[in-house]
Amino acid sequence: MRINPDVEPKTHKFITTGKITNKFGIDFKSASQILLMRRALSNVKIAGLHIHIGSQITESAPYVAAITKMAQFIKKLRKKGIKLEYLNIGGGLGIIYGRENPQTAEAFAKKILPLLKGLNLKIILEPGRFIIGNAGILVTKVLYIKSTPKKKFVIVDAGMNDLIRPALYDAYHNILPLRPPAGVRRIQEKVDVVGPICESGDFFAKERRLPKVKEGQYLAVMGAGAYGFSMSSNYNSRPRAEEVLVIKDKYFVIRRRESREELVRNEKIAPFLLGI
């Protein structure tokens, strides 16, 4: 059963999930009522409680507040004869995208373990972004450079359909040339890095100082391992990119690029449009 502990996680409002104004979970009072009537639900077994207060959380204080509330709630339930097996404390541990200074796993453990001791429950943690976020990059090719009286645009072949976080959350991703061209490595310029999709929200960086790049050069958009491919789409009729696993000097295509045919394979023409 997911509980809403009503805790401010200090993250982007779109990925806040543990405040009472969010759509997720059940408040403590309602949860207590449901658990007390569980004996009448012969086909339902409530084995544990779950919280998930948000994502990209870089400090331990919100977790301490949420787990403290949960520990108090569990102790009250036990006094009423309600026994549980699990406590899932969710995920959301933040990583470094730019200038963040997130807690380490060790620092996080030192803060929360004292709160969990004595509960005698199996503890579940969901550190997905923490594990995979900085293990993935989006590689994209510079198609051309466009200069206007106000801006300089580096237009690349990847788009918001491949990595929507900058457009959706105004998220920062570090961008690096894979191989800086000889002779201009130290030259930097302020640019917008944008994709080819037909809206102005299609960008990876705005007003960013980057090493000068040329058409045909490849860029690495860092920190794309979490919420990258999983949030990608076929918007603008764009096939999703392939995924390549790289370990030292070895690589393997673990997901091939989609084809144009696959974009329409599930579509059907209504018979009445064909005059049938």
C-alpha atoms as a PDB file:
ATOM      1  CA  MET A   1       0.000   0.000   0.000  1.00  0.00           C
ATOM      2  CA  ARG A   2       1.436   3.352  -1.031  1.00  0.00           C
ATOM      3  CA  ILE A   3       1.340   6.074   1.610  1.00  0.00           C
ATOM      4  CA  ASN A   4       1.530   9.799   0.940  1.00  0.00           C
ATOM      5  CA  PRO A   5       3.637  11.141   3.852  1.00  0.00           C
ATOM      6  CA  ASP A   6       3.133  14.816   2.907  1.00  0.00           C
ATOM      7  CA  VAL A   7       6.819  15.736   2.721  1.00  0.00           C
ATOM      8  CA  GLU A   8       8.461  18.484   0.643  1.00  0.00           C
ATOM      9  CA  PRO A   9      11.246  16.786  -1.374  1.00  0.00           C
ATOM     10  CA  LYS A  10      12.869  20.013  -2.643  1.00  0.00           C
ATOM     11  CA  THR A  11      12.937  19.036  -6.295  1.00  0.00           C
ATOM     12  CA  HIS A  12      11.236  20.065  -9.553  1.00  0.00           C
ATOM     13  CA  LYS A  13       7.481  20.410  -9.072  1.00  0.00           C
ATOM     14  CA  PHE A  14       6.747  17.948 -11.884  1.00  0.00           C
ATOM     15  CA  ILE A  15       8.620  15.144 -10.093  1.00  0.00           C
ATOM     16  CA  THR A  16       7.351  15.852  -6.588  1.00  0.00           C
ATOM     17  CA  THR A  17       5.230  12.859  -5.561  1.00  0.00           C
ATOM     18  CA  GLY A  18       5.014  12.811  -1.753  1.00  0.00           C
ATOM     19  CA  LYS A  19       3.074  15.966  -0.898  1.00  0.00           C
ATOM     20  CA  ILE A  20      -0.581  15.803   0.088  1.00  0.00           C
ATOM     21  CA  THR A  21      -1.434  17.905  -2.977  1.00  0.00           C
ATOM     22  CA  ASN A  22       0.043  15.234  -5.282  1.00  0.00           C
ATOM     23  CA  LYS A  23      -2.079  12.490  -6.832  1.00  0.00           C
ATOM     24  CA  PHE A  24      -0.052   9.626  -5.378  1.00  0.00           C
ATOM     25  CA  GLY A  25      -0.648   7.453  -2.337  1.00  0.00           C
ATOM     26  CA  ILE A  26      -3.077   7.423   0.566  1.00  0.00           C
ATOM     27  CA  ASP A  27      -2.988   9.702   3.594  1.00  0.00           C
ATOM     28  CA  PHE A  28      -2.202   8.163   6.986  1.00  0.00           C
ATOM     29  CA  LYS A  29      -5.773   8.352   8.315  1.00  0.00           C
ATOM     30  CA  SER A  30      -7.296   6.623   5.283  1.00  0.00           C
ATOM     31  CA  ALA A  31      -4.516   4.031   5.233  1.00  0.00           C
ATOM     32  CA  SER A  32      -5.132   3.206   8.890  1.00  0.00           C
ATOM     33  CA  GLN A  33      -8.849   2.702   8.239  1.00  0.00           C
ATOM     34  CA  ILE A  34      -8.152   0.401   5.287  1.00  0.00           C
ATOM     35  CA  LEU A  35      -5.628  -1.658   7.244  1.00  0.00           C
ATOM     36  CA  LEU A  36      -8.023  -2.047  10.173  1.00  0.00           C
ATOM     37  CA  MET A  37     -10.729  -3.418   7.872  1.00  0.00           C
ATOM     38  CA  ARG A  38      -8.340  -5.774   6.058  1.00  0.00           C
ATOM     39  CA  ARG A  39      -9.703  -8.793   7.938  1.00  0.00           C
ATOM     40  CA  ALA A  40     -12.954  -8.321   6.039  1.00  0.00           C
ATOM     41  CA  LEU A  41     -11.050  -8.514   2.754  1.00  0.00           C
ATOM     42  CA  SER A  42     -10.464 -12.255   2.589  1.00  0.00           C
ATOM     43  CA  ASN A  43      -8.871 -12.148  -0.861  1.00  0.00           C
ATOM     44  CA  VAL A  44      -6.501  -9.266  -0.125  1.00  0.00           C
ATOM     45  CA  LYS A  45      -3.202  -9.490   1.717  1.00  0.00           C
ATOM     46  CA  ILE A  46      -1.485  -6.218   2.575  1.00  0.00           C
ATOM     47  CA  ALA A  47       2.118  -7.251   3.134  1.00  0.00           C
ATOM     48  CA  GLY A  48       3.844  -3.900   3.262  1.00  0.00           C
ATOM     49  CA  LEU A  49       3.869  -0.140   2.940  1.00  0.00           C
ATOM     50  CA  HIS A  50       5.455   2.014   0.258  1.00  0.00           C
ATOM     51  CA  ILE A  51       6.478   5.646  -0.095  1.00  0.00           C
ATOM     52  CA  HIS A  52       8.052   7.517  -2.990  1.00  0.00           C
ATOM     53  CA  ILE A  53       8.414  11.223  -2.330  1.00  0.00           C
ATOM     54  CA  GLY A  54       9.940  12.401  -5.594  1.00  0.00           C
ATOM     55  CA  SER A  55      12.852  12.209  -7.987  1.00  0.00           C
ATOM     56  CA  GLN A  56      16.304  13.811  -8.309  1.00  0.00           C
ATOM     57  CA  ILE A  57      16.444  14.552  -4.575  1.00  0.00           C
ATOM     58  CA  THR A  58      19.955  15.633  -3.606  1.00  0.00           C
ATOM     59  CA  GLU A  59      19.761  15.778   0.194  1.00  0.00           C
ATOM     60  CA  SER A  60      18.719  13.375   2.926  1.00  0.00           C
ATOM     61  CA  ALA A  61      16.410  15.645   4.963  1.00  0.00           C
ATOM     62  CA  PRO A  62      13.217  14.841   2.972  1.00  0.00           C
ATOM     63  CA  TYR A  63      13.881  11.103   3.332  1.00  0.00           C
ATOM     64  CA  VAL A  64      14.527  11.473   7.056  1.00  0.00           C
ATOM     65  CA  ALA A  65      11.215  13.323   7.454  1.00  0.00           C
ATOM     66  CA  ALA A  66       9.257  10.748   5.432  1.00  0.00           C
ATOM     67  CA  ILE A  67      10.814   7.674   7.056  1.00  0.00           C
ATOM     68  CA  THR A  68      10.356   9.163  10.531  1.00  0.00           C
ATOM     69  CA  LYS A  69       6.641   9.556   9.820  1.00  0.00           C
ATOM     70  CA  MET A  70       6.439   6.019   8.452  1.00  0.00           C
ATOM     71  CA  ALA A  71       8.231   4.524  11.470  1.00  0.00           C
ATOM     72  CA  GLN A  72       5.803   6.240  13.832  1.00  0.00           C
ATOM     73  CA  PHE A  73       2.855   5.030  11.751  1.00  0.00           C
ATOM     74  CA  ILE A  74       4.114   1.433  11.707  1.00  0.00           C
ATOM     75  CA  LYS A  75       4.552   1.437  15.488  1.00  0.00           C
ATOM     76  CA  LYS A  76       0.958   2.638  15.924  1.00  0.00           C
ATOM     77  CA  LEU A  77      -0.265  -0.107  13.597  1.00  0.00           C
ATOM     78  CA  ARG A  78       1.549  -2.763  15.610  1.00  0.00           C
ATOM     79  CA  LYS A  79      -0.198  -1.641  18.772  1.00  0.00           C
ATOM     80  CA  LYS A  80      -3.452  -2.340  16.925  1.00  0.00           C
ATOM     81  CA  GLY A  81      -2.293  -5.822  15.966  1.00  0.00           C
ATOM     82  CA  ILE A  82      -1.401  -5.055  12.358  1.00  0.00           C
ATOM     83  CA  LYS A  83       1.743  -6.847  11.202  1.00  0.00           C
ATOM     84  CA  LEU A  84       3.697  -6.093   8.045  1.00  0.00           C
ATOM     85  CA  GLU A  85       6.599  -7.696   6.186  1.00  0.00           C
ATOM     86  CA  TYR A  86       7.968  -4.927   3.972  1.00  0.00           C
ATOM     87  CA  LEU A  87       8.706  -1.231   3.898  1.00  0.00           C
ATOM     88  CA  ASN A  88       9.581   0.228   0.504  1.00  0.00           C
ATOM     89  CA  ILE A  89      11.181   3.653   0.954  1.00  0.00           C
ATOM     90  CA  GLY A  90      11.088   4.385  -2.776  1.00  0.00           C
ATOM     91  CA  GLY A  91      13.777   5.968  -4.892  1.00  0.00           C
ATOM     92  CA  GLY A  92      14.608   9.425  -6.160  1.00  0.00           C
ATOM     93  CA  LEU A  93      18.258   9.660  -5.103  1.00  0.00           C
ATOM     94  CA  GLY A  94      19.749  12.487  -7.131  1.00  0.00           C
ATOM     95  CA  ILE A  95      22.831  12.457  -9.332  1.00  0.00           C
ATOM     96  CA  ILE A  96      25.201  15.036 -10.805  1.00  0.00           C
ATOM     97  CA  TYR A  97      23.987  16.525 -14.088  1.00  0.00           C
ATOM     98  CA  GLY A  98      25.801  19.822 -13.770  1.00  0.00           C
ATOM     99  CA  ARG A  99      26.591  21.621 -10.533  1.00  0.00           C
ATOM    100  CA  GLU A 100      24.581  19.497  -8.122  1.00  0.00           C
ATOM    101  CA  ASN A 101      26.249  18.238  -4.965  1.00  0.00           C
ATOM    102  CA  PRO A 102      24.148  15.181  -4.127  1.00  0.00           C
ATOM    103  CA  GLN A 103      24.601  12.957  -1.122  1.00  0.00           C
ATOM    104  CA  THR A 104      26.678   9.825  -1.496  1.00  0.00           C
ATOM    105  CA  ALA A 105      25.193   6.387  -0.903  1.00  0.00           C
ATOM    106  CA  GLU A 106      27.229   6.144   2.299  1.00  0.00           C
ATOM    107  CA  ALA A 107      25.981   9.499   3.607  1.00  0.00           C
ATOM    108  CA  PHE A 108      22.396   8.538   2.760  1.00  0.00           C
ATOM    109  CA  ALA A 109      22.734   5.217   4.591  1.00  0.00           C
ATOM    110  CA  LYS A 110      24.127   6.884   7.712  1.00  0.00           C
ATOM    111  CA  LYS A 111      21.063   9.126   7.885  1.00  0.00           C
ATOM    112  CA  ILE A 112      18.321   6.566   7.299  1.00  0.00           C
ATOM    113  CA  LEU A 113      19.614   3.312   8.814  1.00  0.00           C
ATOM    114  CA  PRO A 114      19.124   4.471  12.429  1.00  0.00           C
ATOM    115  CA  LEU A 115      15.483   5.223  11.576  1.00  0.00           C
ATOM    116  CA  LEU A 116      14.911   1.768  10.087  1.00  0.00           C
ATOM    117  CA  LYS A 117      16.559  -0.259  12.832  1.00  0.00           C
ATOM    118  CA  GLY A 118      14.074  -1.820  15.181  1.00  0.00           C
ATOM    119  CA  LEU A 119      11.270  -1.978  12.622  1.00  0.00           C
ATOM    120  CA  ASN A 120      12.246  -5.573  11.777  1.00  0.00           C
ATOM    121  CA  LEU A 121      10.940  -5.252   8.233  1.00  0.00           C
ATOM    122  CA  LYS A 122      12.442  -6.126   4.873  1.00  0.00           C
ATOM    123  CA  ILE A 123      13.527  -2.797   3.396  1.00  0.00           C
ATOM    124  CA  ILE A 124      13.185  -2.106  -0.328  1.00  0.00           C
ATOM    125  CA  LEU A 125      14.959   0.768  -2.101  1.00  0.00           C
ATOM    126  CA  GLU A 126      14.547   1.891  -5.735  1.00  0.00           C
ATOM    127  CA  PRO A 127      17.757   3.743  -6.731  1.00  0.00           C
ATOM    128  CA  GLY A 128      17.269   3.502 -10.504  1.00  0.00           C
ATOM    129  CA  ARG A 129      18.557   6.923 -11.586  1.00  0.00           C
ATOM    130  CA  PHE A 130      21.358   6.711  -9.016  1.00  0.00           C
ATOM    131  CA  ILE A 131      22.618   3.500 -10.647  1.00  0.00           C
ATOM    132  CA  ILE A 132      22.099   4.148 -14.356  1.00  0.00           C
ATOM    133  CA  GLY A 133      21.743   7.915 -14.849  1.00  0.00           C
ATOM    134  CA  ASN A 134      25.383   8.725 -15.519  1.00  0.00           C
ATOM    135  CA  ALA A 135      26.076   5.382 -17.200  1.00  0.00           C
ATOM    136  CA  GLY A 136      24.375   6.510 -20.417  1.00  0.00           C
ATOM    137  CA  ILE A 137      25.030   9.230 -22.990  1.00  0.00           C
ATOM    138  CA  LEU A 138      23.125  10.388 -26.048  1.00  0.00           C
ATOM    139  CA  VAL A 139      25.437  10.648 -29.060  1.00  0.00           C
ATOM    140  CA  THR A 140      24.250  13.094 -31.703  1.00  0.00           C
ATOM    141  CA  LYS A 141      25.652  14.507 -34.935  1.00  0.00           C
ATOM    142  CA  VAL A 142      25.909  18.214 -35.746  1.00  0.00           C
ATOM    143  CA  LEU A 143      23.856  18.740 -38.907  1.00  0.00           C
ATOM    144  CA  TYR A 144      24.675  22.400 -39.422  1.00  0.00           C
ATOM    145  CA  ILE A 145      25.404  25.695 -37.719  1.00  0.00           C
ATOM    146  CA  LYS A 146      22.903  28.531 -38.056  1.00  0.00           C
ATOM    147  CA  SER A 147      23.648  32.129 -37.101  1.00  0.00           C
ATOM    148  CA  THR A 148      21.037  34.858 -36.709  1.00  0.00           C
ATOM    149  CA  PRO A 149      21.428  38.483 -35.567  1.00  0.00           C
ATOM    150  CA  LYS A 150      20.533  37.340 -32.025  1.00  0.00           C
ATOM    151  CA  LYS A 151      21.580  33.700 -31.725  1.00  0.00           C
ATOM    152  CA  LYS A 152      23.897  30.971 -32.872  1.00  0.00           C
ATOM    153  CA  PHE A 153      22.302  27.542 -33.150  1.00  0.00           C
ATOM    154  CA  VAL A 154      24.042  24.184 -33.223  1.00  0.00           C
ATOM    155  CA  ILE A 155      21.452  21.962 -34.901  1.00  0.00           C
ATOM    156  CA  VAL A 156      21.869  18.249 -34.215  1.00  0.00           C
ATOM    157  CA  ASP A 157      20.141  15.115 -35.473  1.00  0.00           C
ATOM    158  CA  ALA A 158      18.774  14.099 -32.047  1.00  0.00           C
ATOM    159  CA  GLY A 159      15.584  15.724 -30.842  1.00  0.00           C
ATOM    160  CA  MET A 160      13.236  16.113 -27.917  1.00  0.00           C
ATOM    161  CA  ASN A 161      11.677  12.781 -28.844  1.00  0.00           C
ATOM    162  CA  ASP A 162      15.027  11.141 -27.957  1.00  0.00           C
ATOM    163  CA  LEU A 163      15.623  13.037 -24.698  1.00  0.00           C
ATOM    164  CA  ILE A 164      12.698  15.101 -23.460  1.00  0.00           C
ATOM    165  CA  ARG A 165      14.073  16.126 -20.059  1.00  0.00           C
ATOM    166  CA  PRO A 166      15.359  19.581 -21.144  1.00  0.00           C
ATOM    167  CA  ALA A 167      12.018  20.455 -22.766  1.00  0.00           C
ATOM    168  CA  LEU A 168       9.867  18.915 -20.025  1.00  0.00           C
ATOM    169  CA  TYR A 169      11.770  19.935 -16.891  1.00  0.00           C
ATOM    170  CA  ASP A 170      14.148  22.583 -18.237  1.00  0.00           C
ATOM    171  CA  ALA A 171      16.750  20.045 -17.114  1.00  0.00           C
ATOM    172  CA  TYR A 172      20.476  20.638 -17.483  1.00  0.00           C
ATOM    173  CA  HIS A 173      22.613  18.062 -19.303  1.00  0.00           C
ATOM    174  CA  ASN A 174      26.317  18.580 -19.823  1.00  0.00           C
ATOM    175  CA  ILE A 175      27.263  18.501 -23.532  1.00  0.00           C
ATOM    176  CA  LEU A 176      30.750  17.626 -24.749  1.00  0.00           C
ATOM    177  CA  PRO A 177      32.343  17.112 -28.165  1.00  0.00           C
ATOM    178  CA  LEU A 178      33.298  13.468 -28.614  1.00  0.00           C
ATOM    179  CA  ARG A 179      36.462  14.544 -30.398  1.00  0.00           C
ATOM    180  CA  PRO A 180      37.193  18.278 -30.355  1.00  0.00           C
ATOM    181  CA  PRO A 181      38.614  19.368 -33.729  1.00  0.00           C
ATOM    182  CA  ALA A 182      42.310  20.166 -33.722  1.00  0.00           C
ATOM    183  CA  GLY A 183      43.216  23.820 -33.371  1.00  0.00           C
ATOM    184  CA  VAL A 184      39.928  25.087 -31.924  1.00  0.00           C
ATOM    185  CA  ARG A 185      39.794  23.088 -28.710  1.00  0.00           C
ATOM    186  CA  ARG A 186      40.084  26.139 -26.477  1.00  0.00           C
ATOM    187  CA  ILE A 187      37.750  28.380 -28.454  1.00  0.00           C
ATOM    188  CA  GLN A 188      34.329  28.623 -26.833  1.00  0.00           C
ATOM    189  CA  GLU A 189      31.147  30.316 -27.961  1.00  0.00           C
ATOM    190  CA  LYS A 190      27.652  30.801 -26.610  1.00  0.00           C
ATOM    191  CA  VAL A 191      25.122  28.682 -28.510  1.00  0.00           C
ATOM    192  CA  ASP A 192      21.752  26.979 -28.353  1.00  0.00           C
ATOM    193  CA  VAL A 193      21.964  23.245 -29.042  1.00  0.00           C
ATOM    194  CA  VAL A 194      18.701  22.290 -30.736  1.00  0.00           C
ATOM    195  CA  GLY A 195      17.134  19.398 -32.609  1.00  0.00           C
ATOM    196  CA  PRO A 196      15.312  19.253 -35.972  1.00  0.00           C
ATOM    197  CA  ILE A 197      11.766  18.895 -34.599  1.00  0.00           C
ATOM    198  CA  CYS A 198       9.186  21.530 -35.552  1.00  0.00           C
ATOM    199  CA  GLU A 199       8.792  23.391 -32.261  1.00  0.00           C
ATOM    200  CA  SER A 200      10.919  25.720 -30.167  1.00  0.00           C
ATOM    201  CA  GLY A 201      10.794  23.366 -27.186  1.00  0.00           C
ATOM    202  CA  ASP A 202      13.129  21.059 -29.104  1.00  0.00           C
ATOM    203  CA  PHE A 203      16.411  21.925 -27.403  1.00  0.00           C
ATOM    204  CA  PHE A 204      19.180  20.385 -25.303  1.00  0.00           C
ATOM    205  CA  ALA A 205      20.869  23.580 -24.118  1.00  0.00           C
ATOM    206  CA  LYS A 206      20.240  27.313 -24.298  1.00  0.00           C
ATOM    207  CA  GLU A 207      22.801  30.099 -24.031  1.00  0.00           C
ATOM    208  CA  ARG A 208      25.450  27.467 -23.272  1.00  0.00           C
ATOM    209  CA  ARG A 209      29.164  28.137 -23.625  1.00  0.00           C
ATOM    210  CA  LEU A 210      30.601  25.193 -25.548  1.00  0.00           C
ATOM    211  CA  PRO A 211      33.806  24.462 -27.456  1.00  0.00           C
ATOM    212  CA  LYS A 212      33.412  25.551 -31.062  1.00  0.00           C
ATOM    213  CA  VAL A 213      32.078  22.687 -33.179  1.00  0.00           C
ATOM    214  CA  LYS A 214      31.708  21.990 -36.889  1.00  0.00           C
ATOM    215  CA  GLU A 215      29.148  20.289 -39.089  1.00  0.00           C
ATOM    216  CA  GLY A 216      29.591  16.534 -39.054  1.00  0.00           C
ATOM    217  CA  GLN A 217      31.093  16.511 -35.578  1.00  0.00           C
ATOM    218  CA  TYR A 218      29.553  14.357 -32.847  1.00  0.00           C
ATOM    219  CA  LEU A 219      28.433  15.579 -29.439  1.00  0.00           C
ATOM    220  CA  ALA A 220      27.778  13.624 -26.251  1.00  0.00           C
ATOM    221  CA  VAL A 221      24.767  14.663 -24.182  1.00  0.00           C
ATOM    222  CA  MET A 222      25.740  13.370 -20.765  1.00  0.00           C
ATOM    223  CA  GLY A 223      23.594  11.874 -18.014  1.00  0.00           C
ATOM    224  CA  ALA A 224      21.103  10.291 -20.419  1.00  0.00           C
ATOM    225  CA  GLY A 225      20.998   6.849 -18.814  1.00  0.00           C
ATOM    226  CA  ALA A 226      17.843   7.507 -16.786  1.00  0.00           C
ATOM    227  CA  TYR A 227      14.582   8.805 -18.263  1.00  0.00           C
ATOM    228  CA  GLY A 228      16.201   8.966 -21.679  1.00  0.00           C
ATOM    229  CA  PHE A 229      15.098   6.098 -23.887  1.00  0.00           C
ATOM    230  CA  SER A 230      12.313   5.175 -21.443  1.00  0.00           C
ATOM    231  CA  MET A 231      10.652   8.564 -22.096  1.00  0.00           C
ATOM    232  CA  SER A 232      11.446   8.668 -25.808  1.00  0.00           C
ATOM    233  CA  SER A 233       8.726   8.678 -28.439  1.00  0.00           C
ATOM    234  CA  ASN A 234       8.002   8.651 -32.157  1.00  0.00           C
ATOM    235  CA  TYR A 235       6.935  12.296 -32.171  1.00  0.00           C
ATOM    236  CA  ASN A 236       7.318  13.892 -35.612  1.00  0.00           C
ATOM    237  CA  SER A 237       7.393  10.370 -37.112  1.00  0.00           C
ATOM    238  CA  ARG A 238      10.922   9.831 -35.847  1.00  0.00           C
ATOM    239  CA  PRO A 239      12.169   6.271 -35.261  1.00  0.00           C
ATOM    240  CA  ARG A 240      13.713   5.770 -31.843  1.00  0.00           C
ATOM    241  CA  ALA A 241      17.491   5.528 -31.680  1.00  0.00           C
ATOM    242  CA  GLU A 242      19.418   2.324 -31.219  1.00  0.00           C
ATOM    243  CA  GLU A 243      21.050   1.531 -27.889  1.00  0.00           C
ATOM    244  CA  VAL A 244      24.659   0.394 -27.689  1.00  0.00           C
ATOM    245  CA  LEU A 245      26.276  -1.240 -24.670  1.00  0.00           C
ATOM    246  CA  VAL A 246      29.954  -0.311 -24.301  1.00  0.00           C
ATOM    247  CA  ILE A 247      32.335  -2.024 -21.882  1.00  0.00           C
ATOM    248  CA  LYS A 248      35.948  -0.894 -22.236  1.00  0.00           C
ATOM    249  CA  ASP A 249      36.894  -1.671 -25.862  1.00  0.00           C
ATOM    250  CA  LYS A 250      33.860  -3.864 -26.581  1.00  0.00           C
ATOM    251  CA  TYR A 251      30.414  -2.827 -27.766  1.00  0.00           C
ATOM    252  CA  PHE A 252      27.148  -4.493 -28.706  1.00  0.00           C
ATOM    253  CA  VAL A 253      23.866  -3.152 -30.120  1.00  0.00           C
ATOM    254  CA  ILE A 254      21.327  -4.162 -27.466  1.00  0.00           C
ATOM    255  CA  ARG A 255      18.388  -2.444 -29.189  1.00  0.00           C
ATOM    256  CA  ARG A 256      18.401  -1.764 -32.909  1.00  0.00           C
ATOM    257  CA  ARG A 257      17.134   1.450 -34.442  1.00  0.00           C
ATOM    258  CA  GLU A 258      13.454   1.415 -35.387  1.00  0.00           C
ATOM    259  CA  SER A 259      12.548   1.373 -39.062  1.00  0.00           C
ATOM    260  CA  ARG A 260      10.050   3.571 -40.885  1.00  0.00           C
ATOM    261  CA  GLU A 261       7.901   0.495 -41.479  1.00  0.00           C
ATOM    262  CA  GLU A 262       7.704  -0.156 -37.746  1.00  0.00           C
ATOM    263  CA  LEU A 263       6.258   3.307 -37.180  1.00  0.00           C
ATOM    264  CA  VAL A 264       3.060   2.347 -39.024  1.00  0.00           C
ATOM    265  CA  ARG A 265       2.912  -1.415 -38.495  1.00  0.00           C
ATOM    266  CA  ASN A 266       0.014  -1.199 -36.008  1.00  0.00           C
ATOM    267  CA  GLU A 267      -2.039   1.256 -38.032  1.00  0.00           C
ATOM    268  CA  LYS A 268      -5.164   0.213 -39.930  1.00  0.00           C
ATOM    269  CA  ILE A 269      -7.314   2.019 -42.476  1.00  0.00           C
ATOM    270  CA  ALA A 270     -10.997   2.154 -41.594  1.00  0.00           C
ATOM    271  CA  PRO A 271     -12.989   0.188 -44.223  1.00  0.00           C
ATOM    272  CA  PHE A 272     -15.506   3.023 -44.719  1.00  0.00           C
ATOM    273  CA  LEU A 273     -12.669   5.280 -45.885  1.00  0.00           C
ATOM    274  CA  LEU A 274     -11.983   2.782 -48.655  1.00  0.00           C
ATOM    275  CA  GLY A 275     -15.611   2.651 -49.714  1.00  0.00           C
ATOM    276  CA  ILE A 276     -16.019  -0.905 -48.466  1.00  0.00           C
END
